[in-house]
């Protein structure tokens, strides 16, 4: 079994990096405006797809994931 504290520490580090990056983009890149915010969202979506943030962020993730809260492709059942 993997130690839980190591996973939590990794998530905390990634969260801090994303927050600092988000603050930098929003604070210093006013020319991009909405585009900067979209870039932040896309980088977080990538982390969701790879399981770094396994908990859904809301309706947007559910819409892209087929309802399971993780952004992964949903395969159609075989006929």
PDB file of N, CA and C in Angstrom:
ATOM      1  N   UNK A   1       0.836  -1.183   0.000  1.00  0.00           N
ATOM      2  CA  UNK A   1       0.000   0.000   0.000  1.00  0.00           C
ATOM      3  C   UNK A   1       0.883   1.250   0.000  1.00  0.00           C
ATOM      4  N   UNK A   2       0.520   2.240  -0.813  1.00  0.00           N
ATOM      5  CA  UNK A   2       1.288   3.482  -0.883  1.00  0.00           C
ATOM      6  C   UNK A   2       1.024   4.327   0.361  1.00  0.00           C
ATOM      7  N   UNK A   3       2.051   4.994   0.856  1.00  0.00           N
ATOM      8  CA  UNK A   3       1.811   5.883   1.998  1.00  0.00           C
ATOM      9  C   UNK A   3       0.964   7.078   1.576  1.00  0.00           C
ATOM     10  N   UNK A   4      -0.075   7.327   2.327  1.00  0.00           N
ATOM     11  CA  UNK A   4      -1.014   8.398   1.993  1.00  0.00           C
ATOM     12  C   UNK A   4      -0.345   9.763   2.105  1.00  0.00           C
ATOM     13  N   UNK A   5       0.500   9.939   3.102  1.00  0.00           N
ATOM     14  CA  UNK A   5       1.105  11.247   3.333  1.00  0.00           C
ATOM     15  C   UNK A   5       1.968  11.695   2.153  1.00  0.00           C
ATOM     16  N   UNK A   6       2.636  10.756   1.480  1.00  0.00           N
ATOM     17  CA  UNK A   6       3.462  11.121   0.321  1.00  0.00           C
ATOM     18  C   UNK A   6       2.587  11.668  -0.806  1.00  0.00           C
ATOM     19  N   UNK A   7       1.435  11.007  -1.042  1.00  0.00           N
ATOM     20  CA  UNK A   7       0.515  11.460  -2.085  1.00  0.00           C
ATOM     21  C   UNK A   7      -0.038  12.843  -1.741  1.00  0.00           C
ATOM     22  N   UNK A   8      -0.414  13.029  -0.490  1.00  0.00           N
ATOM     23  CA  UNK A   8      -0.961  14.316  -0.067  1.00  0.00           C
ATOM     24  C   UNK A   8       0.094  15.408  -0.220  1.00  0.00           C
ATOM     25  N   UNK A   9       1.337  15.096   0.145  1.00  0.00           N
ATOM     26  CA  UNK A   9       2.415  16.078   0.009  1.00  0.00           C
ATOM     27  C   UNK A   9       2.616  16.461  -1.454  1.00  0.00           C
ATOM     28  N   UNK A  10       2.557  15.471  -2.352  1.00  0.00           N
ATOM     29  CA  UNK A  10       2.714  15.738  -3.783  1.00  0.00           C
ATOM     30  C   UNK A  10       1.590  16.641  -4.281  1.00  0.00           C
ATOM     31  N   UNK A  11       0.365  16.338  -3.889  1.00  0.00           N
ATOM     32  CA  UNK A  11      -0.782  17.152  -4.299  1.00  0.00           C
ATOM     33  C   UNK A  11      -0.638  18.568  -3.756  1.00  0.00           C
ATOM     34  N   UNK A  12      -0.177  18.705  -2.510  1.00  0.00           N
ATOM     35  CA  UNK A  12       0.018  20.038  -1.929  1.00  0.00           C
ATOM     36  C   UNK A  12       1.046  20.839  -2.715  1.00  0.00           C
ATOM     37  N   UNK A  13       2.137  20.195  -3.112  1.00  0.00           N
ATOM     38  CA  UNK A  13       3.184  20.882  -3.880  1.00  0.00           C
ATOM     39  C   UNK A  13       2.646  21.322  -5.236  1.00  0.00           C
ATOM     40  N   UNK A  14       1.944  20.414  -5.922  1.00  0.00           N
ATOM     41  CA  UNK A  14       1.382  20.743  -7.239  1.00  0.00           C
ATOM     42  C   UNK A  14       0.368  21.872  -7.102  1.00  0.00           C
ATOM     43  N   UNK A  15      -0.449  21.826  -6.053  1.00  0.00           N
ATOM     44  CA  UNK A  15      -1.437  22.880  -5.828  1.00  0.00           C
ATOM     45  C   UNK A  15      -0.758  24.227  -5.620  1.00  0.00           C
ATOM     46  N   UNK A  16       0.319  24.244  -4.840  1.00  0.00           N
ATOM     47  CA  UNK A  16       1.039  25.494  -4.603  1.00  0.00           C
ATOM     48  C   UNK A  16       1.644  26.042  -5.892  1.00  0.00           C
ATOM     49  N   UNK A  17       2.187  25.158  -6.720  1.00  0.00           N
ATOM     50  CA  UNK A  17       2.772  25.588  -7.993  1.00  0.00           C
ATOM     51  C   UNK A  17       1.689  26.184  -8.885  1.00  0.00           C
ATOM     52  N   UNK A  18       0.536  25.502  -8.968  1.00  0.00           N
ATOM     53  CA  UNK A  18      -0.555  26.012  -9.800  1.00  0.00           C
ATOM     54  C   UNK A  18      -1.052  27.361  -9.290  1.00  0.00           C
ATOM     55  N   UNK A  19      -1.168  27.495  -7.981  1.00  0.00           N
ATOM     56  CA  UNK A  19      -1.639  28.766  -7.431  1.00  0.00           C
ATOM     57  C   UNK A  19      -0.661  29.892  -7.744  1.00  0.00           C
ATOM     58  N   UNK A  20       0.626  29.621  -7.584  1.00  0.00           N
ATOM     59  CA  UNK A  20       1.608  30.671  -7.861  1.00  0.00           C
ATOM     60  C   UNK A  20       1.619  31.014  -9.344  1.00  0.00           C
ATOM     61  N   UNK A  21       1.483  29.988 -10.196  1.00  0.00           N
ATOM     62  CA  UNK A  21       1.438  30.232 -11.642  1.00  0.00           C
ATOM     63  C   UNK A  21       0.178  31.018 -12.002  1.00  0.00           C
ATOM     64  N   UNK A  22      -0.939  30.650 -11.398  1.00  0.00           N
ATOM     65  CA  UNK A  22      -2.200  31.332 -11.678  1.00  0.00           C
ATOM     66  C   UNK A  22      -2.112  32.794 -11.260  1.00  0.00           C
ATOM     67  N   UNK A  23      -1.549  33.059 -10.087  1.00  0.00           N
ATOM     68  CA  UNK A  23      -1.414  34.437  -9.625  1.00  0.00           C
ATOM     69  C   UNK A  23      -0.538  35.231 -10.589  1.00  0.00           C
ATOM     70  N   UNK A  24       0.539  34.615 -11.058  1.00  0.00           N
ATOM     71  CA  UNK A  24       1.449  35.299 -11.980  1.00  0.00           C
ATOM     72  C   UNK A  24       0.727  35.651 -13.271  1.00  0.00           C
ATOM     73  N   UNK A  25       0.005  34.692 -13.844  1.00  0.00           N
ATOM     74  CA  UNK A  25      -0.675  34.954 -15.106  1.00  0.00           C
ATOM     75  C   UNK A  25      -1.743  36.031 -14.959  1.00  0.00           C
ATOM     76  N   UNK A  26      -2.544  35.937 -13.908  1.00  0.00           N
ATOM     77  CA  UNK A  26      -3.642  36.881 -13.747  1.00  0.00           C
ATOM     78  C   UNK A  26      -3.118  38.261 -13.366  1.00  0.00           C
ATOM     79  N   UNK A  27      -2.081  38.305 -12.528  1.00  0.00           N
ATOM     80  CA  UNK A  27      -1.592  39.591 -12.032  1.00  0.00           C
ATOM     81  C   UNK A  27      -0.780  40.348 -13.083  1.00  0.00           C
ATOM     82  N   UNK A  28       0.080  39.645 -13.809  1.00  0.00           N
ATOM     83  CA  UNK A  28       1.023  40.336 -14.692  1.00  0.00           C
ATOM     84  C   UNK A  28       0.666  40.274 -16.173  1.00  0.00           C
ATOM     85  N   UNK A  29      -0.330  39.510 -16.537  1.00  0.00           N
ATOM     86  CA  UNK A  29      -0.654  39.356 -17.945  1.00  0.00           C
ATOM     87  C   UNK A  29      -2.060  39.864 -18.225  1.00  0.00           C
ATOM     88  N   UNK A  30      -2.318  41.111 -17.886  1.00  0.00           N
ATOM     89  CA  UNK A  30      -3.643  41.687 -18.059  1.00  0.00           C
ATOM     90  C   UNK A  30      -4.042  41.785 -19.531  1.00  0.00           C
ATOM     91  N   UNK A  31      -3.066  41.845 -20.426  1.00  0.00           N
ATOM     92  CA  UNK A  31      -3.378  41.952 -21.855  1.00  0.00           C
ATOM     93  C   UNK A  31      -4.114  40.710 -22.348  1.00  0.00           C
ATOM     94  N   UNK A  32      -3.804  39.560 -21.756  1.00  0.00           N
ATOM     95  CA  UNK A  32      -4.473  38.332 -22.178  1.00  0.00           C
ATOM     96  C   UNK A  32      -5.872  38.222 -21.580  1.00  0.00           C
ATOM     97  N   UNK A  33      -6.059  38.768 -20.394  1.00  0.00           N
ATOM     98  CA  UNK A  33      -7.373  38.747 -19.768  1.00  0.00           C
ATOM     99  C   UNK A  33      -7.937  37.352 -19.644  1.00  0.00           C
ATOM    100  N   UNK A  34      -9.052  37.125 -20.309  1.00  0.00           N
ATOM    101  CA  UNK A  34      -9.756  35.844 -20.221  1.00  0.00           C
ATOM    102  C   UNK A  34      -8.883  34.701 -20.717  1.00  0.00           C
ATOM    103  N   UNK A  35      -8.064  34.960 -21.729  1.00  0.00           N
ATOM    104  CA  UNK A  35      -7.215  33.917 -22.294  1.00  0.00           C
ATOM    105  C   UNK A  35      -6.283  33.330 -21.230  1.00  0.00           C
ATOM    106  N   UNK A  36      -5.749  34.159 -20.355  1.00  0.00           N
ATOM    107  CA  UNK A  36      -4.873  33.681 -19.285  1.00  0.00           C
ATOM    108  C   UNK A  36      -5.639  32.755 -18.358  1.00  0.00           C
ATOM    109  N   UNK A  37      -6.879  33.116 -18.043  1.00  0.00           N
ATOM    110  CA  UNK A  37      -7.684  32.290 -17.156  1.00  0.00           C
ATOM    111  C   UNK A  37      -8.010  30.955 -17.811  1.00  0.00           C
ATOM    112  N   UNK A  38      -8.258  30.956 -19.118  1.00  0.00           N
ATOM    113  CA  UNK A  38      -8.524  29.713 -19.840  1.00  0.00           C
ATOM    114  C   UNK A  38      -7.290  28.822 -19.808  1.00  0.00           C
ATOM    115  N   UNK A  39      -6.099  29.415 -19.953  1.00  0.00           N
ATOM    116  CA  UNK A  39      -4.866  28.631 -19.897  1.00  0.00           C
ATOM    117  C   UNK A  39      -4.712  27.969 -18.538  1.00  0.00           C
ATOM    118  N   UNK A  40      -5.047  28.676 -17.467  1.00  0.00           N
ATOM    119  CA  UNK A  40      -4.969  28.108 -16.127  1.00  0.00           C
ATOM    120  C   UNK A  40      -5.916  26.923 -16.028  1.00  0.00           C
ATOM    121  N   UNK A  41      -7.141  27.082 -16.527  1.00  0.00           N
ATOM    122  CA  UNK A  41      -8.120  26.000 -16.494  1.00  0.00           C
ATOM    123  C   UNK A  41      -7.640  24.785 -17.256  1.00  0.00           C
ATOM    124  N   UNK A  42      -7.022  24.996 -18.417  1.00  0.00           N
ATOM    125  CA  UNK A  42      -6.537  23.876 -19.215  1.00  0.00           C
ATOM    126  C   UNK A  42      -5.426  23.132 -18.499  1.00  0.00           C
ATOM    127  N   UNK A  43      -4.519  23.853 -17.834  1.00  0.00           N
ATOM    128  CA  UNK A  43      -3.434  23.167 -17.133  1.00  0.00           C
ATOM    129  C   UNK A  43      -3.994  22.345 -15.985  1.00  0.00           C
ATOM    130  N   UNK A  44      -5.027  22.829 -15.310  1.00  0.00           N
ATOM    131  CA  UNK A  44      -5.635  22.066 -14.229  1.00  0.00           C
ATOM    132  C   UNK A  44      -6.389  20.867 -14.779  1.00  0.00           C
ATOM    133  N   UNK A  45      -7.057  21.035 -15.936  1.00  0.00           N
ATOM    134  CA  UNK A  45      -7.753  19.906 -16.551  1.00  0.00           C
ATOM    135  C   UNK A  45      -6.782  18.788 -16.890  1.00  0.00           C
ATOM    136  N   UNK A  46      -5.572  19.144 -17.368  1.00  0.00           N
ATOM    137  CA  UNK A  46      -4.566  18.134 -17.675  1.00  0.00           C
ATOM    138  C   UNK A  46      -4.215  17.333 -16.430  1.00  0.00           C
ATOM    139  N   UNK A  47      -4.080  18.007 -15.304  1.00  0.00           N
ATOM    140  CA  UNK A  47      -3.763  17.310 -14.061  1.00  0.00           C
ATOM    141  C   UNK A  47      -4.903  16.400 -13.643  1.00  0.00           C
ATOM    142  N   UNK A  48      -6.144  16.817 -13.871  1.00  0.00           N
ATOM    143  CA  UNK A  48      -7.285  15.955 -13.562  1.00  0.00           C
ATOM    144  C   UNK A  48      -7.248  14.696 -14.415  1.00  0.00           C
ATOM    145  N   UNK A  49      -6.959  14.863 -15.706  1.00  0.00           N
ATOM    146  CA  UNK A  49      -6.932  13.705 -16.606  1.00  0.00           C
ATOM    147  C   UNK A  49      -5.891  12.686 -16.181  1.00  0.00           C
ATOM    148  N   UNK A  50      -4.771  13.154 -15.619  1.00  0.00           N
ATOM    149  CA  UNK A  50      -3.705  12.245 -15.219  1.00  0.00           C
ATOM    150  C   UNK A  50      -3.859  11.758 -13.788  1.00  0.00           C
ATOM    151  N   UNK A  51      -4.954  12.114 -13.143  1.00  0.00           N
ATOM    152  CA  UNK A  51      -5.240  11.591 -11.813  1.00  0.00           C
ATOM    153  C   UNK A  51      -4.537  12.306 -10.681  1.00  0.00           C
ATOM    154  N   UNK A  52      -3.874  13.439 -10.961  1.00  0.00           N
ATOM    155  CA  UNK A  52      -3.208  14.155  -9.875  1.00  0.00           C
ATOM    156  C   UNK A  52      -4.251  14.813  -8.979  1.00  0.00           C
ATOM    157  N   UNK A  53      -5.334  15.324  -9.571  1.00  0.00           N
ATOM    158  CA  UNK A  53      -6.455  15.840  -8.801  1.00  0.00           C
ATOM    159  C   UNK A  53      -7.668  14.970  -9.123  1.00  0.00           C
ATOM    160  N   UNK A  54      -7.855  13.864  -8.401  1.00  0.00           N
ATOM    161  CA  UNK A  54      -8.924  12.934  -8.758  1.00  0.00           C
ATOM    162  C   UNK A  54     -10.325  13.421  -8.409  1.00  0.00           C
ATOM    163  N   UNK A  55     -10.464  14.492  -7.635  1.00  0.00           N
ATOM    164  CA  UNK A  55     -11.778  14.971  -7.224  1.00  0.00           C
ATOM    165  C   UNK A  55     -12.275  15.988  -8.246  1.00  0.00           C
ATOM    166  N   UNK A  56     -13.537  15.864  -8.617  1.00  0.00           N
ATOM    167  CA  UNK A  56     -14.121  16.748  -9.624  1.00  0.00           C
ATOM    168  C   UNK A  56     -14.117  18.196  -9.166  1.00  0.00           C
ATOM    169  N   UNK A  57     -13.897  19.114 -10.120  1.00  0.00           N
ATOM    170  CA  UNK A  57     -13.945  20.542  -9.817  1.00  0.00           C
ATOM    171  C   UNK A  57     -15.334  21.105 -10.063  1.00  0.00           C
ATOM    172  N   UNK A  58     -16.247  20.345 -10.604  1.00  0.00           N
ATOM    173  CA  UNK A  58     -17.584  20.881 -10.820  1.00  0.00           C
ATOM    174  C   UNK A  58     -18.232  20.353 -12.076  1.00  0.00           C
ATOM    175  N   UNK A  59     -19.238  21.066 -12.526  1.00  0.00           N
ATOM    176  CA  UNK A  59     -20.051  20.631 -13.653  1.00  0.00           C
ATOM    177  C   UNK A  59     -19.221  20.514 -14.921  1.00  0.00           C
ATOM    178  N   UNK A  60     -18.264  21.408 -15.124  1.00  0.00           N
ATOM    179  CA  UNK A  60     -17.455  21.374 -16.346  1.00  0.00           C
ATOM    180  C   UNK A  60     -16.723  20.040 -16.477  1.00  0.00           C
ATOM    181  N   UNK A  61     -16.127  19.553 -15.368  1.00  0.00           N
ATOM    182  CA  UNK A  61     -15.450  18.261 -15.408  1.00  0.00           C
ATOM    183  C   UNK A  61     -16.439  17.137 -15.664  1.00  0.00           C
ATOM    184  N   UNK A  62     -17.601  17.206 -15.030  1.00  0.00           N
ATOM    185  CA  UNK A  62     -18.589  16.150 -15.212  1.00  0.00           C
ATOM    186  C   UNK A  62     -19.057  16.086 -16.660  1.00  0.00           C
ATOM    187  N   UNK A  63     -19.195  17.235 -17.299  1.00  0.00           N
ATOM    188  CA  UNK A  63     -19.631  17.266 -18.694  1.00  0.00           C
ATOM    189  C   UNK A  63     -18.598  16.619 -19.606  1.00  0.00           C
ATOM    190  N   UNK A  64     -17.310  16.810 -19.307  1.00  0.00           N
ATOM    191  CA  UNK A  64     -16.256  16.255 -20.146  1.00  0.00           C
ATOM    192  C   UNK A  64     -15.954  14.801 -19.826  1.00  0.00           C
ATOM    193  N   UNK A  65     -16.399  14.315 -18.670  1.00  0.00           N
ATOM    194  CA  UNK A  65     -15.982  12.992 -18.236  1.00  0.00           C
ATOM    195  C   UNK A  65     -17.072  11.945 -18.352  1.00  0.00           C
ATOM    196  N   UNK A  66     -18.274  12.331 -18.691  1.00  0.00           N
ATOM    197  CA  UNK A  66     -19.354  11.364 -18.736  1.00  0.00           C
ATOM    198  C   UNK A  66     -19.986  11.147 -17.369  1.00  0.00           C
ATOM    199  N   UNK A  67     -19.658  11.990 -16.387  1.00  0.00           N
ATOM    200  CA  UNK A  67     -20.320  11.920 -15.100  1.00  0.00           C
ATOM    201  C   UNK A  67     -19.524  11.295 -13.983  1.00  0.00           C
ATOM    202  N   UNK A  68     -18.296  10.824 -14.248  1.00  0.00           N
ATOM    203  CA  UNK A  68     -17.545  10.168 -13.181  1.00  0.00           C
ATOM    204  C   UNK A  68     -16.591  11.110 -12.461  1.00  0.00           C
ATOM    205  N   UNK A  69     -16.494  12.379 -12.857  1.00  0.00           N
ATOM    206  CA  UNK A  69     -15.674  13.344 -12.150  1.00  0.00           C
ATOM    207  C   UNK A  69     -14.220  13.378 -12.568  1.00  0.00           C
ATOM    208  N   UNK A  70     -13.811  12.483 -13.463  1.00  0.00           N
ATOM    209  CA  UNK A  70     -12.435  12.461 -13.948  1.00  0.00           C
ATOM    210  C   UNK A  70     -12.487  12.597 -15.459  1.00  0.00           C
ATOM    211  N   UNK A  71     -11.690  13.484 -16.019  1.00  0.00           N
ATOM    212  CA  UNK A  71     -11.756  13.752 -17.454  1.00  0.00           C
ATOM    213  C   UNK A  71     -11.056  12.661 -18.254  1.00  0.00           C
ATOM    214  N   UNK A  72     -11.778  11.596 -18.519  1.00  0.00           N
ATOM    215  CA  UNK A  72     -11.252  10.496 -19.322  1.00  0.00           C
ATOM    216  C   UNK A  72     -12.260  10.179 -20.415  1.00  0.00           C
ATOM    217  N   UNK A  73     -11.801   9.657 -21.548  1.00  0.00           N
ATOM    218  CA  UNK A  73     -12.748   9.306 -22.606  1.00  0.00           C
ATOM    219  C   UNK A  73     -13.685   8.191 -22.153  1.00  0.00           C
ATOM    220  N   UNK A  74     -14.939   8.275 -22.561  1.00  0.00           N
ATOM    221  CA  UNK A  74     -15.918   7.250 -22.210  1.00  0.00           C
ATOM    222  C   UNK A  74     -16.130   6.377 -23.436  1.00  0.00           C
ATOM    223  N   UNK A  75     -15.894   5.086 -23.291  1.00  0.00           N
ATOM    224  CA  UNK A  75     -16.031   4.154 -24.410  1.00  0.00           C
ATOM    225  C   UNK A  75     -17.482   3.684 -24.521  1.00  0.00           C
ATOM    226  N   UNK A  76     -17.968   3.533 -25.749  1.00  0.00           N
ATOM    227  CA  UNK A  76     -19.305   2.993 -25.958  1.00  0.00           C
ATOM    228  C   UNK A  76     -19.281   1.487 -25.744  1.00  0.00           C
ATOM    229  N   UNK A  77     -20.314   0.922 -25.112  1.00  0.00           N
ATOM    230  CA  UNK A  77     -20.331  -0.532 -24.894  1.00  0.00           C
ATOM    231  C   UNK A  77     -20.440  -1.288 -26.222  1.00  0.00           C
ATOM    232  N   UNK A  78     -19.865  -2.479 -26.272  1.00  0.00           N
ATOM    233  CA  UNK A  78     -19.922  -3.303 -27.491  1.00  0.00           C
ATOM    234  C   UNK A  78     -21.349  -3.780 -27.713  1.00  0.00           C
ATOM    235  N   UNK A  79     -21.736  -3.872 -28.969  1.00  0.00           N
ATOM    236  CA  UNK A  79     -23.112  -4.321 -29.273  1.00  0.00           C
ATOM    237  C   UNK A  79     -23.180  -5.812 -29.403  1.00  0.00           C
TER     238      UNK A  79
END
